Amino acid sequence: EIGFSLAYGALMLKTWRISVIFRVRSAKAVKITDLDLMKRLGIIVGV
């Protein structure tokens, strides 16, 4: 389970970041850092 959450969590969060970036319709830039993704991955592994 920890291996699953680390491997697929990283893949899903990478894809999530791309979806957020390309879904934005405003001129304001969206910035999701690698640290933000690591925090979210920590939450997934924590759950």
ModelCIF file with pLDDT and N, C-alpha, C, O atoms, coordinates in Angstrom:
data_MODEL
#
_entry.id   MODEL 
#
_entity.id                         1 
_entity.type                       polymer 
_entity.pdbx_number_of_molecules   1 
#
_entity_poly.entity_id                      1 
_entity_poly.type                           'polypeptide(L)' 
_entity_poly.nstd_linkage                   no 
_entity_poly.nstd_monomer                   no 
_entity_poly.pdbx_seq_one_letter_code       EIGFSLAYGALMLKTWRISVIFRVRSAKAVKITDLDLMKRLGIIVGV 
_entity_poly.pdbx_seq_one_letter_code_can   EIGFSLAYGALMLKTWRISVIFRVRSAKAVKITDLDLMKRLGIIVGV 
_entity_poly.pdbx_strand_id                 A 
#
loop_
_entity_poly_seq.entity_id 
_entity_poly_seq.num 
_entity_poly_seq.mon_id 
_entity_poly_seq.hetero 
1 1  GLU n 
1 2  ILE n 
1 3  GLY n 
1 4  PHE n 
1 5  SER n 
1 6  LEU n 
1 7  ALA n 
1 8  TYR n 
1 9  GLY n 
1 10 ALA n 
1 11 LEU n 
1 12 MET n 
1 13 LEU n 
1 14 LYS n 
1 15 THR n 
1 16 TRP n 
1 17 ARG n 
1 18 ILE n 
1 19 SER n 
1 20 VAL n 
1 21 ILE n 
1 22 PHE n 
1 23 ARG n 
1 24 VAL n 
1 25 ARG n 
1 26 SER n 
1 27 ALA n 
1 28 LYS n 
1 29 ALA n 
1 30 VAL n 
1 31 LYS n 
1 32 ILE n 
1 33 THR n 
1 34 ASP n 
1 35 LEU n 
1 36 ASP n 
1 37 LEU n 
1 38 MET n 
1 39 LYS n 
1 40 ARG n 
1 41 LEU n 
1 42 GLY n 
1 43 ILE n 
1 44 ILE n 
1 45 VAL n 
1 46 GLY n 
1 47 VAL n 
#
_struct_asym.id          A 
_struct_asym.entity_id   1 
#
loop_
_ma_qa_metric.id 
_ma_qa_metric.mode 
_ma_qa_metric.name 
_ma_qa_metric.software_group_id 
_ma_qa_metric.type 
1 global pLDDT . pLDDT 
2 local  pLDDT . pLDDT 
#
_ma_qa_metric_global.metric_id      1 
_ma_qa_metric_global.metric_value   87.53 
_ma_qa_metric_global.model_id       1 
_ma_qa_metric_global.ordinal_id     1 
#
loop_
_ma_qa_metric_local.label_asym_id 
_ma_qa_metric_local.label_comp_id 
_ma_qa_metric_local.label_seq_id 
_ma_qa_metric_local.metric_id 
_ma_qa_metric_local.metric_value 
_ma_qa_metric_local.model_id 
_ma_qa_metric_local.ordinal_id 
A GLU 1  2 92.00 1 1  
A ILE 2  2 95.00 1 2  
A GLY 3  2 95.00 1 3  
A PHE 4  2 93.00 1 4  
A SER 5  2 94.00 1 5  
A LEU 6  2 95.00 1 6  
A ALA 7  2 92.00 1 7  
A TYR 8  2 91.00 1 8  
A GLY 9  2 93.00 1 9  
A ALA 10 2 92.00 1 10 
A LEU 11 2 89.00 1 11 
A MET 12 2 90.00 1 12 
A LEU 13 2 92.00 1 13 
A LYS 14 2 88.00 1 14 
A THR 15 2 86.00 1 15 
A TRP 16 2 88.00 1 16 
A ARG 17 2 87.00 1 17 
A ILE 18 2 84.00 1 18 
A SER 19 2 83.00 1 19 
A VAL 20 2 85.00 1 20 
A ILE 21 2 81.00 1 21 
A PHE 22 2 78.00 1 22 
A ARG 23 2 75.00 1 23 
A VAL 24 2 69.00 1 24 
A ARG 25 2 69.00 1 25 
A SER 26 2 67.00 1 26 
A ALA 27 2 63.00 1 27 
A LYS 28 2 73.00 1 28 
A ALA 29 2 74.00 1 29 
A VAL 30 2 77.00 1 30 
A LYS 31 2 84.00 1 31 
A ILE 32 2 86.00 1 32 
A THR 33 2 89.00 1 33 
A ASP 34 2 90.00 1 34 
A LEU 35 2 94.00 1 35 
A ASP 36 2 93.00 1 36 
A LEU 37 2 93.00 1 37 
A MET 38 2 95.00 1 38 
A LYS 39 2 96.00 1 39 
A ARG 40 2 95.00 1 40 
A LEU 41 2 96.00 1 41 
A GLY 42 2 96.00 1 42 
A ILE 43 2 96.00 1 43 
A ILE 44 2 95.00 1 44 
A VAL 45 2 96.00 1 45 
A GLY 46 2 96.00 1 46 
A VAL 47 2 94.00 1 47 
#
loop_
_atom_site.group_PDB 
_atom_site.id 
_atom_site.type_symbol 
_atom_site.label_atom_id 
_atom_site.label_alt_id 
_atom_site.label_comp_id 
_atom_site.label_asym_id 
_atom_site.label_entity_id 
_atom_site.label_seq_id 
_atom_site.pdbx_PDB_ins_code 
_atom_site.Cartn_x 
_atom_site.Cartn_y 
_atom_site.Cartn_z 
_atom_site.occupancy 
_atom_site.B_iso_or_equiv 
_atom_site.pdbx_formal_charge 
_atom_site.auth_seq_id 
_atom_site.auth_comp_id 
_atom_site.auth_asym_id 
_atom_site.auth_atom_id 
_atom_site.pdbx_PDB_model_num 
ATOM 1   N N  . GLU A 1 1  ? 0.817  -1.219 0.000   1.00 92.00 ? 1  GLU A N  1 
ATOM 2   C CA . GLU A 1 1  ? 0.000  0.000  0.000   1.00 92.00 ? 1  GLU A CA 1 
ATOM 3   C C  . GLU A 1 1  ? 0.850  1.268  0.000   1.00 92.00 ? 1  GLU A C  1 
ATOM 4   O O  . GLU A 1 1  ? 0.515  2.230  -0.691  1.00 92.00 ? 1  GLU A O  1 
ATOM 5   N N  . ILE A 1 2  ? 1.932  1.286  0.755   1.00 95.00 ? 2  ILE A N  1 
ATOM 6   C CA . ILE A 1 2  ? 2.804  2.466  0.752   1.00 95.00 ? 2  ILE A CA 1 
ATOM 7   C C  . ILE A 1 2  ? 3.471  2.614  -0.616  1.00 95.00 ? 2  ILE A C  1 
ATOM 8   O O  . ILE A 1 2  ? 3.592  3.728  -1.126  1.00 95.00 ? 2  ILE A O  1 
ATOM 9   N N  . GLY A 1 3  ? 3.900  1.514  -1.207  1.00 95.00 ? 3  GLY A N  1 
ATOM 10  C CA . GLY A 1 3  ? 4.472  1.571  -2.547  1.00 95.00 ? 3  GLY A CA 1 
ATOM 11  C C  . GLY A 1 3  ? 3.464  2.055  -3.574  1.00 95.00 ? 3  GLY A C  1 
ATOM 12  O O  . GLY A 1 3  ? 3.795  2.860  -4.443  1.00 95.00 ? 3  GLY A O  1 
ATOM 13  N N  . PHE A 1 4  ? 2.235  1.565  -3.475  1.00 93.00 ? 4  PHE A N  1 
ATOM 14  C CA . PHE A 1 4  ? 1.182  2.009  -4.384  1.00 93.00 ? 4  PHE A CA 1 
ATOM 15  C C  . PHE A 1 4  ? 0.930  3.504  -4.233  1.00 93.00 ? 4  PHE A C  1 
ATOM 16  O O  . PHE A 1 4  ? 0.859  4.230  -5.224  1.00 93.00 ? 4  PHE A O  1 
ATOM 17  N N  . SER A 1 5  ? 0.795  3.962  -2.988  1.00 94.00 ? 5  SER A N  1 
ATOM 18  C CA . SER A 1 5  ? 0.477  5.376  -2.782  1.00 94.00 ? 5  SER A CA 1 
ATOM 19  C C  . SER A 1 5  ? 1.625  6.282  -3.224  1.00 94.00 ? 5  SER A C  1 
ATOM 20  O O  . SER A 1 5  ? 1.378  7.380  -3.725  1.00 94.00 ? 5  SER A O  1 
ATOM 21  N N  . LEU A 1 6  ? 2.860  5.851  -3.052  1.00 95.00 ? 6  LEU A N  1 
ATOM 22  C CA . LEU A 1 6  ? 3.992  6.663  -3.514  1.00 95.00 ? 6  LEU A CA 1 
ATOM 23  C C  . LEU A 1 6  ? 4.074  6.698  -5.040  1.00 95.00 ? 6  LEU A C  1 
ATOM 24  O O  . LEU A 1 6  ? 4.206  7.770  -5.631  1.00 95.00 ? 6  LEU A O  1 
ATOM 25  N N  . ALA A 1 7  ? 3.999  5.549  -5.666  1.00 92.00 ? 7  ALA A N  1 
ATOM 26  C CA . ALA A 1 7  ? 4.165  5.478  -7.117  1.00 92.00 ? 7  ALA A CA 1 
ATOM 27  C C  . ALA A 1 7  ? 3.007  6.151  -7.848  1.00 92.00 ? 7  ALA A C  1 
ATOM 28  O O  . ALA A 1 7  ? 3.220  7.044  -8.669  1.00 92.00 ? 7  ALA A O  1 
ATOM 29  N N  . TYR A 1 8  ? 1.797  5.726  -7.553  1.00 91.00 ? 8  TYR A N  1 
ATOM 30  C CA . TYR A 1 8  ? 0.656  6.264  -8.271  1.00 91.00 ? 8  TYR A CA 1 
ATOM 31  C C  . TYR A 1 8  ? 0.273  7.650  -7.768  1.00 91.00 ? 8  TYR A C  1 
ATOM 32  O O  . TYR A 1 8  ? -0.291 8.441  -8.524  1.00 91.00 ? 8  TYR A O  1 
ATOM 33  N N  . GLY A 1 9  ? 0.565  7.958  -6.518  1.00 93.00 ? 9  GLY A N  1 
ATOM 34  C CA . GLY A 1 9  ? 0.339  9.313  -6.024  1.00 93.00 ? 9  GLY A CA 1 
ATOM 35  C C  . GLY A 1 9  ? 1.181  10.323 -6.778  1.00 93.00 ? 9  GLY A C  1 
ATOM 36  O O  . GLY A 1 9  ? 0.693  11.394 -7.139  1.00 93.00 ? 9  GLY A O  1 
ATOM 37  N N  . ALA A 1 10 ? 2.447  9.990  -7.020  1.00 92.00 ? 10 ALA A N  1 
ATOM 38  C CA . ALA A 1 10 ? 3.318  10.895 -7.773  1.00 92.00 ? 10 ALA A CA 1 
ATOM 39  C C  . ALA A 1 10 ? 2.822  11.069 -9.206  1.00 92.00 ? 10 ALA A C  1 
ATOM 40  O O  . ALA A 1 10 ? 2.816  12.184 -9.728  1.00 92.00 ? 10 ALA A O  1 
ATOM 41  N N  . LEU A 1 11 ? 2.407  9.979  -9.843  1.00 89.00 ? 11 LEU A N  1 
ATOM 42  C CA . LEU A 1 11 ? 1.889  10.077 -11.211 1.00 89.00 ? 11 LEU A CA 1 
ATOM 43  C C  . LEU A 1 11 ? 0.607  10.907 -11.273 1.00 89.00 ? 11 LEU A C  1 
ATOM 44  O O  . LEU A 1 11 ? 0.440  11.741 -12.163 1.00 89.00 ? 11 LEU A O  1 
ATOM 45  N N  . MET A 1 12 ? -0.287 10.671 -10.328 1.00 90.00 ? 12 MET A N  1 
ATOM 46  C CA . MET A 1 12 ? -1.557 11.397 -10.334 1.00 90.00 ? 12 MET A CA 1 
ATOM 47  C C  . MET A 1 12 ? -1.350 12.878 -10.055 1.00 90.00 ? 12 MET A C  1 
ATOM 48  O O  . MET A 1 12 ? -1.994 13.723 -10.677 1.00 90.00 ? 12 MET A O  1 
ATOM 49  N N  . LEU A 1 13 ? -0.455 13.200 -9.125  1.00 92.00 ? 13 LEU A N  1 
ATOM 50  C CA . LEU A 1 13 ? -0.229 14.604 -8.805  1.00 92.00 ? 13 LEU A CA 1 
ATOM 51  C C  . LEU A 1 13 ? 0.444  15.337 -9.955  1.00 92.00 ? 13 LEU A C  1 
ATOM 52  O O  . LEU A 1 13 ? 0.160  16.510 -10.196 1.00 92.00 ? 13 LEU A O  1 
ATOM 53  N N  . LYS A 1 14 ? 1.326  14.662 -10.658 1.00 88.00 ? 14 LYS A N  1 
ATOM 54  C CA . LYS A 1 14 ? 1.949  15.275 -11.838 1.00 88.00 ? 14 LYS A CA 1 
ATOM 55  C C  . LYS A 1 14 ? 0.883  15.571 -12.885 1.00 88.00 ? 14 LYS A C  1 
ATOM 56  O O  . LYS A 1 14 ? 0.878  16.649 -13.478 1.00 88.00 ? 14 LYS A O  1 
ATOM 57  N N  . THR A 1 15 ? -0.003 14.637 -13.112 1.00 86.00 ? 15 THR A N  1 
ATOM 58  C CA . THR A 1 15 ? -1.087 14.842 -14.069 1.00 86.00 ? 15 THR A CA 1 
ATOM 59  C C  . THR A 1 15 ? -2.064 15.896 -13.575 1.00 86.00 ? 15 THR A C  1 
ATOM 60  O O  . THR A 1 15 ? -2.590 16.674 -14.369 1.00 86.00 ? 15 THR A O  1 
ATOM 61  N N  . TRP A 1 16 ? -2.310 15.927 -12.277 1.00 88.00 ? 16 TRP A N  1 
ATOM 62  C CA . TRP A 1 16 ? -3.197 16.935 -11.695 1.00 88.00 ? 16 TRP A CA 1 
ATOM 63  C C  . TRP A 1 16 ? -2.636 18.335 -11.923 1.00 88.00 ? 16 TRP A C  1 
ATOM 64  O O  . TRP A 1 16 ? -3.378 19.259 -12.257 1.00 88.00 ? 16 TRP A O  1 
ATOM 65  N N  . ARG A 1 17 ? -1.312 18.493 -11.740 1.00 87.00 ? 17 ARG A N  1 
ATOM 66  C CA . ARG A 1 17 ? -0.699 19.806 -11.952 1.00 87.00 ? 17 ARG A CA 1 
ATOM 67  C C  . ARG A 1 17 ? -0.881 20.255 -13.409 1.00 87.00 ? 17 ARG A C  1 
ATOM 68  O O  . ARG A 1 17 ? -1.187 21.420 -13.663 1.00 87.00 ? 17 ARG A O  1 
ATOM 69  N N  . ILE A 1 18 ? -0.697 19.354 -14.345 1.00 84.00 ? 18 ILE A N  1 
ATOM 70  C CA . ILE A 1 18 ? -0.884 19.692 -15.756 1.00 84.00 ? 18 ILE A CA 1 
ATOM 71  C C  . ILE A 1 18 ? -2.342 20.068 -16.024 1.00 84.00 ? 18 ILE A C  1 
ATOM 72  O O  . ILE A 1 18 ? -2.611 21.002 -16.779 1.00 84.00 ? 18 ILE A O  1 
ATOM 73  N N  . SER A 1 19 ? -3.284 19.345 -15.410 1.00 83.00 ? 19 SER A N  1 
ATOM 74  C CA . SER A 1 19 ? -4.699 19.665 -15.632 1.00 83.00 ? 19 SER A CA 1 
ATOM 75  C C  . SER A 1 19 ? -5.048 21.031 -15.057 1.00 83.00 ? 19 SER A C  1 
ATOM 76  O O  . SER A 1 19 ? -5.830 21.768 -15.657 1.00 83.00 ? 19 SER A O  1 
ATOM 77  N N  . VAL A 1 20 ? -4.487 21.379 -13.912 1.00 85.00 ? 20 VAL A N  1 
ATOM 78  C CA . VAL A 1 20 ? -4.770 22.682 -13.318 1.00 85.00 ? 20 VAL A CA 1 
ATOM 79  C C  . VAL A 1 20 ? -4.180 23.795 -14.189 1.00 85.00 ? 20 VAL A C  1 
ATOM 80  O O  . VAL A 1 20 ? -4.828 24.817 -14.412 1.00 85.00 ? 20 VAL A O  1 
ATOM 81  N N  . ILE A 1 21 ? -2.972 23.601 -14.672 1.00 81.00 ? 21 ILE A N  1 
ATOM 82  C CA . ILE A 1 21 ? -2.312 24.631 -15.476 1.00 81.00 ? 21 ILE A CA 1 
ATOM 83  C C  . ILE A 1 21 ? -3.066 24.882 -16.779 1.00 81.00 ? 21 ILE A C  1 
ATOM 84  O O  . ILE A 1 21 ? -3.252 26.035 -17.168 1.00 81.00 ? 21 ILE A O  1 
ATOM 85  N N  . PHE A 1 22 ? -3.496 23.837 -17.449 1.00 78.00 ? 22 PHE A N  1 
ATOM 86  C CA . PHE A 1 22 ? -4.149 24.012 -18.739 1.00 78.00 ? 22 PHE A CA 1 
ATOM 87  C C  . PHE A 1 22 ? -5.651 24.242 -18.642 1.00 78.00 ? 22 PHE A C  1 
ATOM 88  O O  . PHE A 1 22 ? -6.290 24.514 -19.658 1.00 78.00 ? 22 PHE A O  1 
ATOM 89  N N  . ARG A 1 23 ? -6.227 24.142 -17.458 1.00 75.00 ? 23 ARG A N  1 
ATOM 90  C CA . ARG A 1 23 ? -7.648 24.400 -17.273 1.00 75.00 ? 23 ARG A CA 1 
ATOM 91  C C  . ARG A 1 23 ? -7.936 25.872 -16.991 1.00 75.00 ? 23 ARG A C  1 
ATOM 92  O O  . ARG A 1 23 ? -9.055 26.340 -17.200 1.00 75.00 ? 23 ARG A O  1 
ATOM 93  N N  . VAL A 1 24 ? -6.928 26.600 -16.519 1.00 69.00 ? 24 VAL A N  1 
ATOM 94  C CA . VAL A 1 24 ? -7.101 28.001 -16.148 1.00 69.00 ? 24 VAL A CA 1 
ATOM 95  C C  . VAL A 1 24 ? -7.385 28.826 -17.404 1.00 69.00 ? 24 VAL A C  1 
ATOM 96  O O  . VAL A 1 24 ? -6.670 28.713 -18.401 1.00 69.00 ? 24 VAL A O  1 
ATOM 97  N N  . ARG A 1 25 ? -8.425 29.650 -17.353 1.00 69.00 ? 25 ARG A N  1 
ATOM 98  C CA . ARG A 1 25 ? -8.809 30.466 -18.498 1.00 69.00 ? 25 ARG A CA 1 
ATOM 99  C C  . ARG A 1 25 ? -8.443 31.940 -18.301 1.00 69.00 ? 25 ARG A C  1 
ATOM 100 O O  . ARG A 1 25 ? -8.624 32.746 -19.214 1.00 69.00 ? 25 ARG A O  1 
ATOM 101 N N  . SER A 1 26 ? -7.938 32.294 -17.141 1.00 67.00 ? 26 SER A N  1 
ATOM 102 C CA . SER A 1 26 ? -7.605 33.694 -16.890 1.00 67.00 ? 26 SER A CA 1 
ATOM 103 C C  . SER A 1 26 ? -6.154 33.971 -17.274 1.00 67.00 ? 26 SER A C  1 
ATOM 104 O O  . SER A 1 26 ? -5.382 33.054 -17.552 1.00 67.00 ? 26 SER A O  1 
ATOM 105 N N  . ALA A 1 27 ? -5.807 35.245 -17.283 1.00 63.00 ? 27 ALA A N  1 
ATOM 106 C CA . ALA A 1 27 ? -4.442 35.649 -17.627 1.00 63.00 ? 27 ALA A CA 1 
ATOM 107 C C  . ALA A 1 27 ? -3.484 35.445 -16.456 1.00 63.00 ? 27 ALA A C  1 
ATOM 108 O O  . ALA A 1 27 ? -2.267 35.513 -16.627 1.00 63.00 ? 27 ALA A O  1 
ATOM 109 N N  . LYS A 1 28 ? -4.016 35.201 -15.300 1.00 73.00 ? 28 LYS A N  1 
ATOM 110 C CA . LYS A 1 28 ? -3.185 35.006 -14.113 1.00 73.00 ? 28 LYS A CA 1 
ATOM 111 C C  . LYS A 1 28 ? -2.495 33.643 -14.184 1.00 73.00 ? 28 LYS A C  1 
ATOM 112 O O  . LYS A 1 28 ? -3.138 32.623 -14.428 1.00 73.00 ? 28 LYS A O  1 
ATOM 113 N N  . ALA A 1 29 ? -1.201 33.641 -13.971 1.00 74.00 ? 29 ALA A N  1 
ATOM 114 C CA . ALA A 1 29 ? -0.428 32.403 -14.033 1.00 74.00 ? 29 ALA A CA 1 
ATOM 115 C C  . ALA A 1 29 ? -0.669 31.564 -12.789 1.00 74.00 ? 29 ALA A C  1 
ATOM 116 O O  . ALA A 1 29 ? -0.764 32.084 -11.677 1.00 74.00 ? 29 ALA A O  1 
ATOM 117 N N  . VAL A 1 30 ? -0.765 30.282 -12.993 1.00 77.00 ? 30 VAL A N  1 
ATOM 118 C CA . VAL A 1 30 ? -0.927 29.349 -11.884 1.00 77.00 ? 30 VAL A CA 1 
ATOM 119 C C  . VAL A 1 30 ? 0.433  28.727 -11.611 1.00 77.00 ? 30 VAL A C  1 
ATOM 120 O O  . VAL A 1 30 ? 1.100  28.229 -12.518 1.00 77.00 ? 30 VAL A O  1 
ATOM 121 N N  . LYS A 1 31 ? 0.829  28.764 -10.354 1.00 84.00 ? 31 LYS A N  1 
ATOM 122 C CA . LYS A 1 31 ? 2.128  28.206 -10.006 1.00 84.00 ? 31 LYS A CA 1 
ATOM 123 C C  . LYS A 1 31 ? 1.939  27.143 -8.928  1.00 84.00 ? 31 LYS A C  1 
ATOM 124 O O  . LYS A 1 31 ? 1.537  27.436 -7.801  1.00 84.00 ? 31 LYS A O  1 
ATOM 125 N N  . ILE A 1 32 ? 2.235  25.924 -9.299  1.00 86.00 ? 32 ILE A N  1 
ATOM 126 C CA . ILE A 1 32 ? 2.206  24.804 -8.352  1.00 86.00 ? 32 ILE A CA 1 
ATOM 127 C C  . ILE A 1 32 ? 3.631  24.258 -8.307  1.00 86.00 ? 32 ILE A C  1 
ATOM 128 O O  . ILE A 1 32 ? 4.110  23.665 -9.273  1.00 86.00 ? 32 ILE A O  1 
ATOM 129 N N  . THR A 1 33 ? 4.293  24.464 -7.189  1.00 89.00 ? 33 THR A N  1 
ATOM 130 C CA . THR A 1 33 ? 5.699  24.077 -7.079  1.00 89.00 ? 33 THR A CA 1 
ATOM 131 C C  . THR A 1 33 ? 5.832  22.595 -6.767  1.00 89.00 ? 33 THR A C  1 
ATOM 132 O O  . THR A 1 33 ? 4.868  21.916 -6.413  1.00 89.00 ? 33 THR A O  1 
ATOM 133 N N  . ASP A 1 34 ? 7.066  22.120 -6.913  1.00 90.00 ? 34 ASP A N  1 
ATOM 134 C CA . ASP A 1 34 ? 7.333  20.728 -6.559  1.00 90.00 ? 34 ASP A CA 1 
ATOM 135 C C  . ASP A 1 34 ? 7.108  20.495 -5.068  1.00 90.00 ? 34 ASP A C  1 
ATOM 136 O O  . ASP A 1 34 ? 6.691  19.409 -4.667  1.00 90.00 ? 34 ASP A O  1 
ATOM 137 N N  . LEU A 1 35 ? 7.378  21.503 -4.249  1.00 94.00 ? 35 LEU A N  1 
ATOM 138 C CA . LEU A 1 35 ? 7.150  21.375 -2.814  1.00 94.00 ? 35 LEU A CA 1 
ATOM 139 C C  . LEU A 1 35 ? 5.660  21.200 -2.516  1.00 94.00 ? 35 LEU A C  1 
ATOM 140 O O  . LEU A 1 35 ? 5.282  20.437 -1.627  1.00 94.00 ? 35 LEU A O  1 
ATOM 141 N N  . ASP A 1 36 ? 4.816  21.917 -3.271  1.00 93.00 ? 36 ASP A N  1 
ATOM 142 C CA . ASP A 1 36 ? 3.366  21.747 -3.107  1.00 93.00 ? 36 ASP A CA 1 
ATOM 143 C C  . ASP A 1 36 ? 2.953  20.308 -3.427  1.00 93.00 ? 36 ASP A C  1 
ATOM 144 O O  . ASP A 1 36 ? 2.135  19.712 -2.726  1.00 93.00 ? 36 ASP A O  1 
ATOM 145 N N  . LEU A 1 37 ? 3.532  19.766 -4.494  1.00 93.00 ? 37 LEU A N  1 
ATOM 146 C CA . LEU A 1 37 ? 3.219  18.379 -4.860  1.00 93.00 ? 37 LEU A CA 1 
ATOM 147 C C  . LEU A 1 37 ? 3.724  17.401 -3.804  1.00 93.00 ? 37 LEU A C  1 
ATOM 148 O O  . LEU A 1 37 ? 3.052  16.416 -3.496  1.00 93.00 ? 37 LEU A O  1 
ATOM 149 N N  . MET A 1 38 ? 4.897  17.667 -3.252  1.00 95.00 ? 38 MET A N  1 
ATOM 150 C CA . MET A 1 38 ? 5.435  16.776 -2.212  1.00 95.00 ? 38 MET A CA 1 
ATOM 151 C C  . MET A 1 38 ? 4.552  16.800 -0.963  1.00 95.00 ? 38 MET A C  1 
ATOM 152 O O  . MET A 1 38 ? 4.352  15.768 -0.322  1.00 95.00 ? 38 MET A O  1 
ATOM 153 N N  . LYS A 1 39 ? 4.026  17.979 -0.620  1.00 96.00 ? 39 LYS A N  1 
ATOM 154 C CA . LYS A 1 39 ? 3.116  18.068 0.534   1.00 96.00 ? 39 LYS A CA 1 
ATOM 155 C C  . LYS A 1 39 ? 1.855  17.242 0.285   1.00 96.00 ? 39 LYS A C  1 
ATOM 156 O O  . LYS A 1 39 ? 1.389  16.515 1.163   1.00 96.00 ? 39 LYS A O  1 
ATOM 157 N N  . ARG A 1 40 ? 1.318  17.365 -0.914  1.00 95.00 ? 40 ARG A N  1 
ATOM 158 C CA . ARG A 1 40 ? 0.110  16.602 -1.249  1.00 95.00 ? 40 ARG A CA 1 
ATOM 159 C C  . ARG A 1 40 ? 0.391  15.099 -1.286  1.00 95.00 ? 40 ARG A C  1 
ATOM 160 O O  . ARG A 1 40 ? -0.446 14.290 -0.886  1.00 95.00 ? 40 ARG A O  1 
ATOM 161 N N  . LEU A 1 41 ? 1.581  14.740 -1.772  1.00 96.00 ? 41 LEU A N  1 
ATOM 162 C CA . LEU A 1 41 ? 1.956  13.325 -1.770  1.00 96.00 ? 41 LEU A CA 1 
ATOM 163 C C  . LEU A 1 41 ? 2.091  12.816 -0.338  1.00 96.00 ? 41 LEU A C  1 
ATOM 164 O O  . LEU A 1 41 ? 1.715  11.684 -0.037  1.00 96.00 ? 41 LEU A O  1 
ATOM 165 N N  . GLY A 1 42 ? 2.628  13.653 0.537   1.00 96.00 ? 42 GLY A N  1 
ATOM 166 C CA . GLY A 1 42 ? 2.706  13.293 1.952   1.00 96.00 ? 42 GLY A CA 1 
ATOM 167 C C  . GLY A 1 42 ? 1.335  13.060 2.558   1.00 96.00 ? 42 GLY A C  1 
ATOM 168 O O  . GLY A 1 42 ? 1.155  12.161 3.379   1.00 96.00 ? 42 GLY A O  1 
ATOM 169 N N  . ILE A 1 43 ? 0.368  13.872 2.152   1.00 96.00 ? 43 ILE A N  1 
ATOM 170 C CA . ILE A 1 43 ? -1.007 13.691 2.644   1.00 96.00 ? 43 ILE A CA 1 
ATOM 171 C C  . ILE A 1 43 ? -1.578 12.365 2.149   1.00 96.00 ? 43 ILE A C  1 
ATOM 172 O O  . ILE A 1 43 ? -2.220 11.640 2.908   1.00 96.00 ? 43 ILE A O  1 
ATOM 173 N N  . ILE A 1 44 ? -1.343 12.050 0.875   1.00 95.00 ? 44 ILE A N  1 
ATOM 174 C CA . ILE A 1 44 ? -1.844 10.785 0.318   1.00 95.00 ? 44 ILE A CA 1 
ATOM 175 C C  . ILE A 1 44 ? -1.228 9.600  1.049   1.00 95.00 ? 44 ILE A C  1 
ATOM 176 O O  . ILE A 1 44 ? -1.937 8.672  1.440   1.00 95.00 ? 44 ILE A O  1 
ATOM 177 N N  . VAL A 1 45 ? 0.090  9.627  1.234   1.00 96.00 ? 45 VAL A N  1 
ATOM 178 C CA . VAL A 1 45 ? 0.767  8.532  1.937   1.00 96.00 ? 45 VAL A CA 1 
ATOM 179 C C  . VAL A 1 45 ? 0.302  8.486  3.392   1.00 96.00 ? 45 VAL A C  1 
ATOM 180 O O  . VAL A 1 45 ? 0.158  7.408  3.967   1.00 96.00 ? 45 VAL A O  1 
ATOM 181 N N  . GLY A 1 46 ? 0.069  9.657  3.984   1.00 96.00 ? 46 GLY A N  1 
ATOM 182 C CA . GLY A 1 46 ? -0.417 9.708  5.359   1.00 96.00 ? 46 GLY A CA 1 
ATOM 183 C C  . GLY A 1 46 ? -1.783 9.072  5.522   1.00 96.00 ? 46 GLY A C  1 
ATOM 184 O O  . GLY A 1 46 ? -2.027 8.360  6.497   1.00 96.00 ? 46 GLY A O  1 
ATOM 185 N N  . VAL A 1 47 ? -2.682 9.323  4.570   1.00 94.00 ? 47 VAL A N  1 
ATOM 186 C CA . VAL A 1 47 ? -4.019 8.723  4.636   1.00 94.00 ? 47 VAL A CA 1 
ATOM 187 C C  . VAL A 1 47 ? -3.919 7.204  4.543   1.00 94.00 ? 47 VAL A C  1 
ATOM 188 O O  . VAL A 1 47 ? -4.939 6.515  4.580   1.00 94.00 ? 47 VAL A O  1 
#
